Amino acid sequence: MRNSTKLSVFLCFLASTATAQIYNGPVKLGSPLVSYKAITQEFGVDWSRNPELVHTGVDLALAAGNKVFSMKDGVVYKVGNLGGSDGDYVVVFNRDGTSNGYLHLNVSVKSGQRVDRGQIIGTVYSNHLHLNQCKQSDGCQHGAFPNKTFKGQSRDKFNEYYVRPRIR
């Protein structure tokens, strides 16, 4: 995997160097890169609220108000709300044909707006940020959903759309 691909999975950027704690220990991250407390729910596991659903991204523990930055250059495809207390979401169609969904935000961008890598797209709404990494733009076209069911379909169907954001 190319370094640029590895780095592109980060969605929150800081102006200074940070250390992130992940499952296999601390990883020194370059600047500007993500800082978060922990991964609170992993990609591809049964969703904690309903085991029939699959978790489509990674939940990163962050305090409310932390700035969220676009992972890549692209265009804001969709801004929306899933209802309830989830806050808003943003879907960015990236220049390379992939897409990212960011959920649990106070959004500061609009649909159709061009965004650059590192540009602020919002702030964390609650206690974590959910990140979807879709292999193609149409993978995230309906929104930044935290879970998805593929009733009657194999896990391969899930893997056609979503990929786990890698941290190195």
N, C-alpha and C. Protein backbone atom coordinates (compact mmCIF):
# COMPACT_ATOMS: atom_id res chain seq x y z
N MET A 1 0.84 -1.17 0.00
CA MET A 1 0.00 0.00 0.00
C MET A 1 0.89 1.24 0.00
N ARG A 2 0.60 2.20 -0.86
CA ARG A 2 1.39 3.42 -0.96
C ARG A 2 1.21 4.28 0.28
N ASN A 3 2.25 5.02 0.64
CA ASN A 3 2.19 5.90 1.80
C ASN A 3 1.07 6.92 1.68
N SER A 4 0.85 7.46 0.47
CA SER A 4 -0.21 8.45 0.30
C SER A 4 -1.58 7.84 0.58
N THR A 5 -1.74 6.56 0.24
CA THR A 5 -3.01 5.88 0.53
C THR A 5 -3.17 5.67 2.02
N LYS A 6 -2.07 5.26 2.68
CA LYS A 6 -2.13 5.06 4.12
C LYS A 6 -2.49 6.35 4.84
N LEU A 7 -1.89 7.43 4.43
CA LEU A 7 -2.14 8.70 5.10
C LEU A 7 -3.53 9.24 4.81
N SER A 8 -4.09 8.87 3.67
CA SER A 8 -5.37 9.45 3.29
C SER A 8 -6.52 8.98 4.15
N VAL A 9 -6.32 7.95 4.97
CA VAL A 9 -7.41 7.47 5.80
C VAL A 9 -7.66 8.35 7.01
N PHE A 10 -6.79 9.25 7.29
CA PHE A 10 -6.99 10.11 8.45
C PHE A 10 -7.95 11.23 8.10
N LEU A 11 -8.83 11.57 9.01
CA LEU A 11 -9.80 12.59 8.71
C LEU A 11 -9.69 13.82 9.58
N CYS A 12 -9.13 13.73 10.72
CA CYS A 12 -8.98 14.89 11.58
C CYS A 12 -7.52 15.28 11.57
N PHE A 13 -7.25 16.51 11.29
CA PHE A 13 -5.87 16.93 11.21
C PHE A 13 -5.57 17.97 12.27
N LEU A 14 -4.38 17.91 12.81
CA LEU A 14 -3.92 18.91 13.77
C LEU A 14 -2.76 19.67 13.16
N ALA A 15 -2.53 20.85 13.62
CA ALA A 15 -1.45 21.67 13.09
C ALA A 15 -0.09 21.19 13.59
N SER A 16 -0.05 20.38 14.64
CA SER A 16 1.23 19.92 15.17
C SER A 16 1.27 18.40 15.22
N THR A 17 2.46 17.85 15.46
CA THR A 17 2.64 16.41 15.56
C THR A 17 1.85 15.88 16.75
N ALA A 18 1.30 14.66 16.59
CA ALA A 18 0.48 14.07 17.65
C ALA A 18 0.83 12.59 17.78
N THR A 19 0.49 12.01 18.90
CA THR A 19 0.63 10.58 19.09
C THR A 19 -0.77 9.99 19.24
N ALA A 20 -1.08 8.97 18.46
CA ALA A 20 -2.38 8.33 18.53
C ALA A 20 -2.23 6.98 19.21
N GLN A 21 -3.16 6.63 20.05
CA GLN A 21 -3.14 5.33 20.71
C GLN A 21 -4.08 4.41 19.94
N ILE A 22 -3.56 3.32 19.42
CA ILE A 22 -4.38 2.35 18.72
C ILE A 22 -4.15 0.99 19.37
N TYR A 23 -4.81 -0.04 18.87
CA TYR A 23 -4.77 -1.34 19.51
C TYR A 23 -3.37 -1.90 19.71
N ASN A 24 -2.47 -1.71 18.76
CA ASN A 24 -1.15 -2.31 18.88
C ASN A 24 -0.10 -1.34 19.41
N GLY A 25 -0.50 -0.30 20.06
CA GLY A 25 0.45 0.60 20.69
C GLY A 25 0.46 1.98 20.06
N PRO A 26 1.27 2.86 20.64
CA PRO A 26 1.31 4.22 20.13
C PRO A 26 2.00 4.29 18.77
N VAL A 27 1.50 5.13 17.91
CA VAL A 27 2.08 5.35 16.59
C VAL A 27 2.37 6.83 16.46
N LYS A 28 3.60 7.17 16.14
CA LYS A 28 3.96 8.57 15.96
C LYS A 28 3.44 9.01 14.60
N LEU A 29 2.68 10.06 14.57
CA LEU A 29 2.09 10.56 13.34
C LEU A 29 2.76 11.86 12.94
N GLY A 30 2.94 12.05 11.65
CA GLY A 30 3.50 13.29 11.15
C GLY A 30 2.49 14.42 11.21
N SER A 31 2.90 15.58 10.79
CA SER A 31 2.04 16.75 10.83
C SER A 31 1.64 17.13 9.41
N PRO A 32 0.44 17.49 9.15
CA PRO A 32 -0.71 17.53 10.05
C PRO A 32 -1.51 16.23 9.99
N LEU A 33 -1.69 15.56 11.11
CA LEU A 33 -2.41 14.30 11.14
C LEU A 33 -3.35 14.21 12.32
N VAL A 34 -4.08 13.12 12.38
CA VAL A 34 -5.14 12.91 13.34
C VAL A 34 -4.62 12.71 14.77
N SER A 35 -5.43 13.12 15.70
CA SER A 35 -5.21 12.80 17.11
C SER A 35 -6.56 12.38 17.68
N TYR A 36 -6.60 11.24 18.32
CA TYR A 36 -7.83 10.77 18.93
C TYR A 36 -7.47 9.90 20.12
N LYS A 37 -8.43 9.71 21.01
CA LYS A 37 -8.17 8.98 22.25
C LYS A 37 -8.09 7.47 22.03
N ALA A 38 -9.01 6.92 21.26
CA ALA A 38 -9.07 5.48 21.05
C ALA A 38 -10.03 5.17 19.91
N ILE A 39 -9.95 3.96 19.41
CA ILE A 39 -10.96 3.45 18.49
C ILE A 39 -12.02 2.81 19.36
N THR A 40 -13.23 3.35 19.34
CA THR A 40 -14.28 2.84 20.21
C THR A 40 -15.14 1.76 19.56
N GLN A 41 -15.17 1.72 18.24
CA GLN A 41 -15.82 0.61 17.53
C GLN A 41 -15.10 0.42 16.21
N GLU A 42 -14.72 -0.82 15.96
CA GLU A 42 -13.94 -1.17 14.78
C GLU A 42 -14.82 -1.32 13.55
N PHE A 43 -14.18 -1.31 12.42
CA PHE A 43 -14.80 -1.53 11.12
C PHE A 43 -15.16 -3.00 10.92
N GLY A 44 -16.33 -3.25 10.32
CA GLY A 44 -16.70 -4.58 9.89
C GLY A 44 -17.21 -5.52 10.96
N VAL A 45 -17.36 -5.03 12.19
CA VAL A 45 -17.86 -5.88 13.27
C VAL A 45 -19.38 -5.72 13.37
N ASP A 46 -20.00 -6.64 14.10
CA ASP A 46 -21.42 -6.48 14.37
C ASP A 46 -21.62 -5.16 15.09
N TRP A 47 -22.59 -4.40 14.64
CA TRP A 47 -22.84 -3.09 15.23
C TRP A 47 -23.36 -3.28 16.65
N SER A 48 -22.89 -2.50 17.58
CA SER A 48 -23.18 -2.70 18.99
C SER A 48 -24.67 -2.61 19.33
N ARG A 49 -25.44 -1.84 18.59
CA ARG A 49 -26.86 -1.69 18.92
C ARG A 49 -27.74 -2.76 18.28
N ASN A 50 -27.22 -3.44 17.26
CA ASN A 50 -28.00 -4.46 16.57
C ASN A 50 -27.04 -5.38 15.83
N PRO A 51 -26.83 -6.60 16.32
CA PRO A 51 -25.84 -7.50 15.73
C PRO A 51 -26.16 -7.96 14.31
N GLU A 52 -27.36 -7.65 13.79
CA GLU A 52 -27.67 -8.00 12.41
C GLU A 52 -27.08 -6.99 11.43
N LEU A 53 -26.57 -5.88 11.96
CA LEU A 53 -25.99 -4.84 11.13
C LEU A 53 -24.47 -4.87 11.24
N VAL A 54 -23.81 -4.43 10.19
CA VAL A 54 -22.35 -4.39 10.16
C VAL A 54 -21.89 -2.94 10.29
N HIS A 55 -20.91 -2.68 11.14
CA HIS A 55 -20.36 -1.33 11.32
C HIS A 55 -19.53 -0.96 10.10
N THR A 56 -19.88 0.14 9.45
CA THR A 56 -19.31 0.50 8.15
C THR A 56 -18.05 1.34 8.22
N GLY A 57 -17.63 1.71 9.39
CA GLY A 57 -16.44 2.56 9.49
C GLY A 57 -15.73 2.34 10.80
N VAL A 58 -14.99 3.34 11.19
CA VAL A 58 -14.25 3.32 12.44
C VAL A 58 -14.74 4.49 13.28
N ASP A 59 -15.00 4.24 14.56
CA ASP A 59 -15.38 5.32 15.48
C ASP A 59 -14.13 5.74 16.25
N LEU A 60 -13.82 7.03 16.17
CA LEU A 60 -12.65 7.59 16.84
C LEU A 60 -13.11 8.49 17.97
N ALA A 61 -12.67 8.18 19.18
CA ALA A 61 -13.06 8.97 20.36
C ALA A 61 -12.39 10.34 20.30
N LEU A 62 -13.21 11.37 20.33
CA LEU A 62 -12.75 12.76 20.32
C LEU A 62 -13.72 13.58 21.15
N ALA A 63 -13.25 14.62 21.76
CA ALA A 63 -14.13 15.51 22.50
C ALA A 63 -14.94 16.37 21.53
N ALA A 64 -16.14 16.71 21.93
CA ALA A 64 -16.97 17.61 21.13
C ALA A 64 -16.22 18.90 20.87
N GLY A 65 -16.40 19.42 19.67
CA GLY A 65 -15.77 20.69 19.31
C GLY A 65 -14.46 20.55 18.57
N ASN A 66 -13.85 19.35 18.56
CA ASN A 66 -12.62 19.16 17.79
C ASN A 66 -12.89 19.39 16.31
N LYS A 67 -11.96 20.05 15.63
CA LYS A 67 -12.10 20.32 14.20
C LYS A 67 -11.91 19.04 13.41
N VAL A 68 -12.70 18.91 12.35
CA VAL A 68 -12.61 17.78 11.44
C VAL A 68 -12.23 18.33 10.07
N PHE A 69 -11.23 17.71 9.45
CA PHE A 69 -10.70 18.18 8.19
C PHE A 69 -10.92 17.15 7.10
N SER A 70 -11.06 17.61 5.87
CA SER A 70 -11.21 16.70 4.74
C SER A 70 -9.94 15.88 4.56
N MET A 71 -10.11 14.59 4.33
CA MET A 71 -8.97 13.70 4.13
C MET A 71 -8.30 13.92 2.79
N LYS A 72 -9.06 14.30 1.78
CA LYS A 72 -8.54 14.43 0.42
C LYS A 72 -9.21 15.61 -0.27
N ASP A 73 -8.66 15.99 -1.41
CA ASP A 73 -9.30 16.98 -2.27
C ASP A 73 -10.55 16.34 -2.87
N GLY A 74 -11.62 17.11 -2.95
CA GLY A 74 -12.83 16.57 -3.54
C GLY A 74 -13.96 17.57 -3.55
N VAL A 75 -15.17 17.05 -3.68
CA VAL A 75 -16.38 17.87 -3.71
C VAL A 75 -17.35 17.30 -2.68
N VAL A 76 -17.95 18.18 -1.90
CA VAL A 76 -18.97 17.75 -0.94
C VAL A 76 -20.18 17.29 -1.74
N TYR A 77 -20.47 16.01 -1.65
CA TYR A 77 -21.59 15.44 -2.39
C TYR A 77 -22.89 15.61 -1.62
N LYS A 78 -22.82 15.39 -0.33
CA LYS A 78 -24.05 15.39 0.45
C LYS A 78 -23.78 15.84 1.87
N VAL A 79 -24.70 16.63 2.40
CA VAL A 79 -24.73 17.02 3.81
C VAL A 79 -26.11 16.63 4.30
N GLY A 80 -26.18 15.97 5.43
CA GLY A 80 -27.49 15.53 5.90
C GLY A 80 -27.50 15.22 7.38
N ASN A 81 -28.65 14.68 7.81
CA ASN A 81 -28.85 14.33 9.21
C ASN A 81 -29.58 12.99 9.24
N LEU A 82 -29.09 12.08 10.08
CA LEU A 82 -29.72 10.77 10.20
C LEU A 82 -30.86 10.75 11.20
N GLY A 83 -31.10 11.88 11.85
CA GLY A 83 -32.15 11.96 12.85
C GLY A 83 -31.63 11.59 14.22
N GLY A 84 -32.43 11.77 15.20
CA GLY A 84 -32.01 11.45 16.56
C GLY A 84 -30.89 12.36 17.04
N SER A 85 -29.99 11.80 17.81
CA SER A 85 -28.92 12.61 18.41
C SER A 85 -27.57 12.38 17.72
N ASP A 86 -27.59 11.97 16.46
CA ASP A 86 -26.35 11.65 15.75
C ASP A 86 -25.63 12.86 15.17
N GLY A 87 -26.23 14.02 15.20
CA GLY A 87 -25.61 15.16 14.54
C GLY A 87 -25.72 15.01 13.04
N ASP A 88 -24.97 15.80 12.32
CA ASP A 88 -25.02 15.80 10.86
C ASP A 88 -23.87 14.98 10.28
N TYR A 89 -23.95 14.77 8.97
CA TYR A 89 -22.87 14.06 8.28
C TYR A 89 -22.50 14.80 7.00
N VAL A 90 -21.31 14.48 6.50
CA VAL A 90 -20.80 15.01 5.24
C VAL A 90 -20.26 13.83 4.44
N VAL A 91 -20.58 13.79 3.15
CA VAL A 91 -19.96 12.83 2.24
C VAL A 91 -19.17 13.63 1.22
N VAL A 92 -17.89 13.30 1.08
CA VAL A 92 -17.01 13.95 0.11
C VAL A 92 -16.63 12.94 -0.96
N PHE A 93 -16.90 13.29 -2.22
CA PHE A 93 -16.42 12.49 -3.34
C PHE A 93 -15.02 12.99 -3.64
N ASN A 94 -14.04 12.12 -3.47
CA ASN A 94 -12.65 12.49 -3.62
C ASN A 94 -12.22 12.47 -5.09
N ARG A 95 -11.22 13.26 -5.38
CA ARG A 95 -10.70 13.36 -6.73
C ARG A 95 -10.23 12.02 -7.30
N ASP A 96 -9.79 11.11 -6.43
CA ASP A 96 -9.26 9.82 -6.90
C ASP A 96 -10.35 8.76 -7.13
N GLY A 97 -11.63 9.14 -7.02
CA GLY A 97 -12.72 8.21 -7.27
C GLY A 97 -13.26 7.52 -6.04
N THR A 98 -12.61 7.67 -4.90
CA THR A 98 -13.11 7.12 -3.65
C THR A 98 -14.02 8.14 -2.99
N SER A 99 -14.58 7.79 -1.85
CA SER A 99 -15.38 8.76 -1.10
C SER A 99 -15.22 8.50 0.39
N ASN A 100 -15.51 9.53 1.17
CA ASN A 100 -15.45 9.43 2.62
C ASN A 100 -16.72 10.01 3.20
N GLY A 101 -17.22 9.33 4.24
CA GLY A 101 -18.34 9.83 5.00
C GLY A 101 -17.88 10.15 6.40
N TYR A 102 -18.28 11.30 6.90
CA TYR A 102 -17.93 11.77 8.24
C TYR A 102 -19.24 11.98 8.98
N LEU A 103 -19.43 11.31 10.12
CA LEU A 103 -20.70 11.37 10.85
C LEU A 103 -20.47 11.84 12.27
N HIS A 104 -21.48 12.48 12.83
CA HIS A 104 -21.50 13.05 14.18
C HIS A 104 -20.78 14.39 14.17
N LEU A 105 -21.22 15.27 13.28
CA LEU A 105 -20.58 16.57 13.09
C LEU A 105 -21.54 17.73 13.28
N ASN A 106 -20.95 18.88 13.57
CA ASN A 106 -21.56 20.18 13.31
C ASN A 106 -20.90 20.61 12.01
N VAL A 107 -21.63 20.61 10.92
CA VAL A 107 -21.08 20.77 9.58
C VAL A 107 -20.85 22.24 9.24
N SER A 108 -19.74 22.51 8.54
CA SER A 108 -19.44 23.88 8.12
C SER A 108 -19.24 24.00 6.61
N VAL A 109 -19.66 22.98 5.85
CA VAL A 109 -19.57 23.03 4.39
C VAL A 109 -20.95 22.78 3.80
N LYS A 110 -21.08 23.01 2.49
CA LYS A 110 -22.36 22.82 1.81
C LYS A 110 -22.20 21.87 0.64
N SER A 111 -23.29 21.21 0.27
CA SER A 111 -23.28 20.33 -0.89
C SER A 111 -22.81 21.10 -2.11
N GLY A 112 -21.96 20.45 -2.91
CA GLY A 112 -21.44 21.07 -4.12
C GLY A 112 -20.16 21.86 -3.92
N GLN A 113 -19.80 22.09 -2.67
CA GLN A 113 -18.61 22.88 -2.37
C GLN A 113 -17.35 22.05 -2.61
N ARG A 114 -16.34 22.66 -3.24
CA ARG A 114 -15.05 22.01 -3.40
C ARG A 114 -14.29 22.12 -2.09
N VAL A 115 -13.60 21.03 -1.70
CA VAL A 115 -12.79 21.06 -0.49
C VAL A 115 -11.39 20.55 -0.81
N ASP A 116 -10.43 21.10 -0.11
CA ASP A 116 -9.04 20.68 -0.25
C ASP A 116 -8.68 19.79 0.93
N ARG A 117 -7.71 18.93 0.72
CA ARG A 117 -7.20 18.10 1.82
C ARG A 117 -6.75 19.03 2.94
N GLY A 118 -7.22 18.74 4.15
CA GLY A 118 -6.86 19.56 5.30
C GLY A 118 -7.81 20.71 5.58
N GLN A 119 -8.81 20.92 4.73
CA GLN A 119 -9.78 21.99 4.94
C GLN A 119 -10.80 21.57 5.99
N ILE A 120 -11.16 22.49 6.86
CA ILE A 120 -12.16 22.20 7.90
C ILE A 120 -13.51 21.95 7.24
N ILE A 121 -14.14 20.82 7.62
CA ILE A 121 -15.48 20.52 7.13
C ILE A 121 -16.51 20.54 8.25
N GLY A 122 -16.05 20.64 9.49
CA GLY A 122 -16.96 20.70 10.63
C GLY A 122 -16.22 20.46 11.93
N THR A 123 -17.02 20.30 12.99
CA THR A 123 -16.47 19.97 14.30
C THR A 123 -17.22 18.76 14.85
N VAL A 124 -16.57 18.04 15.75
CA VAL A 124 -17.18 16.86 16.36
C VAL A 124 -18.40 17.30 17.17
N TYR A 125 -19.50 16.61 16.96
CA TYR A 125 -20.78 16.96 17.59
C TYR A 125 -20.89 16.42 19.01
N SER A 126 -20.38 15.22 19.25
CA SER A 126 -20.60 14.56 20.53
C SER A 126 -19.29 14.04 21.09
N ASN A 127 -19.17 12.73 21.25
CA ASN A 127 -17.98 12.16 21.89
C ASN A 127 -17.12 11.31 20.96
N HIS A 128 -17.50 11.23 19.68
CA HIS A 128 -16.67 10.49 18.73
C HIS A 128 -17.01 10.90 17.31
N LEU A 129 -16.15 10.49 16.42
CA LEU A 129 -16.34 10.74 15.00
C LEU A 129 -16.36 9.40 14.28
N HIS A 130 -17.35 9.20 13.43
CA HIS A 130 -17.46 7.98 12.63
C HIS A 130 -16.92 8.30 11.24
N LEU A 131 -16.00 7.47 10.75
CA LEU A 131 -15.42 7.64 9.42
C LEU A 131 -15.74 6.45 8.54
N ASN A 132 -16.33 6.73 7.39
CA ASN A 132 -16.52 5.72 6.35
C ASN A 132 -15.47 5.96 5.28
N GLN A 133 -14.88 4.90 4.79
CA GLN A 133 -13.98 4.97 3.64
C GLN A 133 -14.59 4.06 2.59
N CYS A 134 -15.08 4.64 1.50
CA CYS A 134 -15.72 3.85 0.45
C CYS A 134 -14.78 3.71 -0.74
N LYS A 135 -14.78 2.52 -1.33
CA LYS A 135 -13.88 2.23 -2.43
C LYS A 135 -14.19 3.05 -3.67
N GLN A 136 -15.45 3.37 -3.85
CA GLN A 136 -15.88 4.15 -5.00
C GLN A 136 -16.81 5.24 -4.49
N SER A 137 -17.00 6.25 -5.31
CA SER A 137 -17.88 7.34 -4.90
C SER A 137 -19.27 6.84 -4.58
N ASP A 138 -19.79 5.91 -5.38
CA ASP A 138 -21.16 5.46 -5.13
C ASP A 138 -21.31 4.63 -3.87
N GLY A 139 -20.22 4.22 -3.24
CA GLY A 139 -20.31 3.48 -1.99
C GLY A 139 -20.89 4.29 -0.86
N CYS A 140 -20.65 5.58 -0.86
CA CYS A 140 -21.14 6.47 0.20
C CYS A 140 -22.22 7.43 -0.32
N GLN A 141 -22.78 7.16 -1.48
CA GLN A 141 -23.67 8.13 -2.10
C GLN A 141 -24.96 8.39 -1.33
N HIS A 142 -25.37 7.46 -0.50
CA HIS A 142 -26.62 7.64 0.23
C HIS A 142 -26.43 8.27 1.59
N GLY A 143 -25.19 8.45 2.02
CA GLY A 143 -24.94 9.08 3.31
C GLY A 143 -23.85 8.38 4.09
N ALA A 144 -23.52 8.96 5.22
CA ALA A 144 -22.45 8.43 6.08
C ALA A 144 -23.06 7.54 7.15
N PHE A 145 -23.60 6.42 6.73
CA PHE A 145 -24.31 5.56 7.66
C PHE A 145 -23.35 4.80 8.57
N PRO A 146 -23.68 4.70 9.85
CA PRO A 146 -22.80 3.98 10.77
C PRO A 146 -22.89 2.47 10.63
N ASN A 147 -23.94 1.98 9.97
CA ASN A 147 -24.11 0.54 9.84
C ASN A 147 -24.88 0.24 8.57
N LYS A 148 -24.81 -1.00 8.15
CA LYS A 148 -25.52 -1.41 6.95
C LYS A 148 -25.85 -2.88 7.06
N THR A 149 -27.00 -3.25 6.56
CA THR A 149 -27.36 -4.66 6.50
C THR A 149 -27.32 -5.11 5.05
N PHE A 150 -26.83 -6.29 4.84
CA PHE A 150 -26.81 -6.89 3.52
C PHE A 150 -27.58 -8.20 3.59
N LYS A 151 -28.86 -8.09 3.91
CA LYS A 151 -29.70 -9.26 4.11
C LYS A 151 -29.67 -10.15 2.87
N GLY A 152 -29.41 -11.43 3.10
CA GLY A 152 -29.41 -12.40 2.01
C GLY A 152 -28.20 -12.29 1.10
N GLN A 153 -27.26 -11.44 1.43
CA GLN A 153 -26.07 -11.28 0.61
C GLN A 153 -24.84 -11.64 1.43
N SER A 154 -23.79 -11.99 0.77
CA SER A 154 -22.58 -12.38 1.47
C SER A 154 -21.82 -11.17 1.97
N ARG A 155 -20.86 -11.44 2.84
CA ARG A 155 -19.98 -10.40 3.35
C ARG A 155 -19.19 -9.75 2.20
N ASP A 156 -19.01 -10.48 1.10
CA ASP A 156 -18.30 -9.93 -0.05
C ASP A 156 -19.01 -8.69 -0.59
N LYS A 157 -20.33 -8.67 -0.52
CA LYS A 157 -21.09 -7.51 -0.99
C LYS A 157 -20.74 -6.29 -0.15
N PHE A 158 -20.65 -6.48 1.15
CA PHE A 158 -20.24 -5.39 2.05
C PHE A 158 -18.85 -4.90 1.65
N ASN A 159 -17.94 -5.84 1.39
CA ASN A 159 -16.56 -5.49 1.06
C ASN A 159 -16.41 -4.84 -0.31
N GLU A 160 -17.43 -4.93 -1.16
CA GLU A 160 -17.39 -4.22 -2.44
C GLU A 160 -17.45 -2.72 -2.25
N TYR A 161 -18.09 -2.28 -1.19
CA TYR A 161 -18.32 -0.85 -0.97
C TYR A 161 -17.37 -0.23 0.04
N TYR A 162 -17.19 -0.90 1.17
CA TYR A 162 -16.49 -0.29 2.29
C TYR A 162 -15.12 -0.92 2.51
N VAL A 163 -14.20 -0.11 2.98
CA VAL A 163 -12.87 -0.58 3.33
C VAL A 163 -12.51 0.03 4.68
N ARG A 164 -11.75 -0.70 5.47
CA ARG A 164 -11.36 -0.18 6.78
C ARG A 164 -10.29 0.89 6.61
N PRO A 165 -10.51 2.05 7.19
CA PRO A 165 -9.45 3.05 7.19
C PRO A 165 -8.23 2.51 7.92
N ARG A 166 -7.08 2.53 7.29
CA ARG A 166 -5.83 2.00 7.86
C ARG A 166 -5.04 3.10 8.54
N ILE A 167 -4.40 2.74 9.63
CA ILE A 167 -3.58 3.70 10.37
C ILE A 167 -2.10 3.40 10.20
N ARG A 168 -1.63 2.63 9.37
CA ARG A 168 -0.24 2.24 9.08
C ARG A 168 -0.05 0.82 9.50
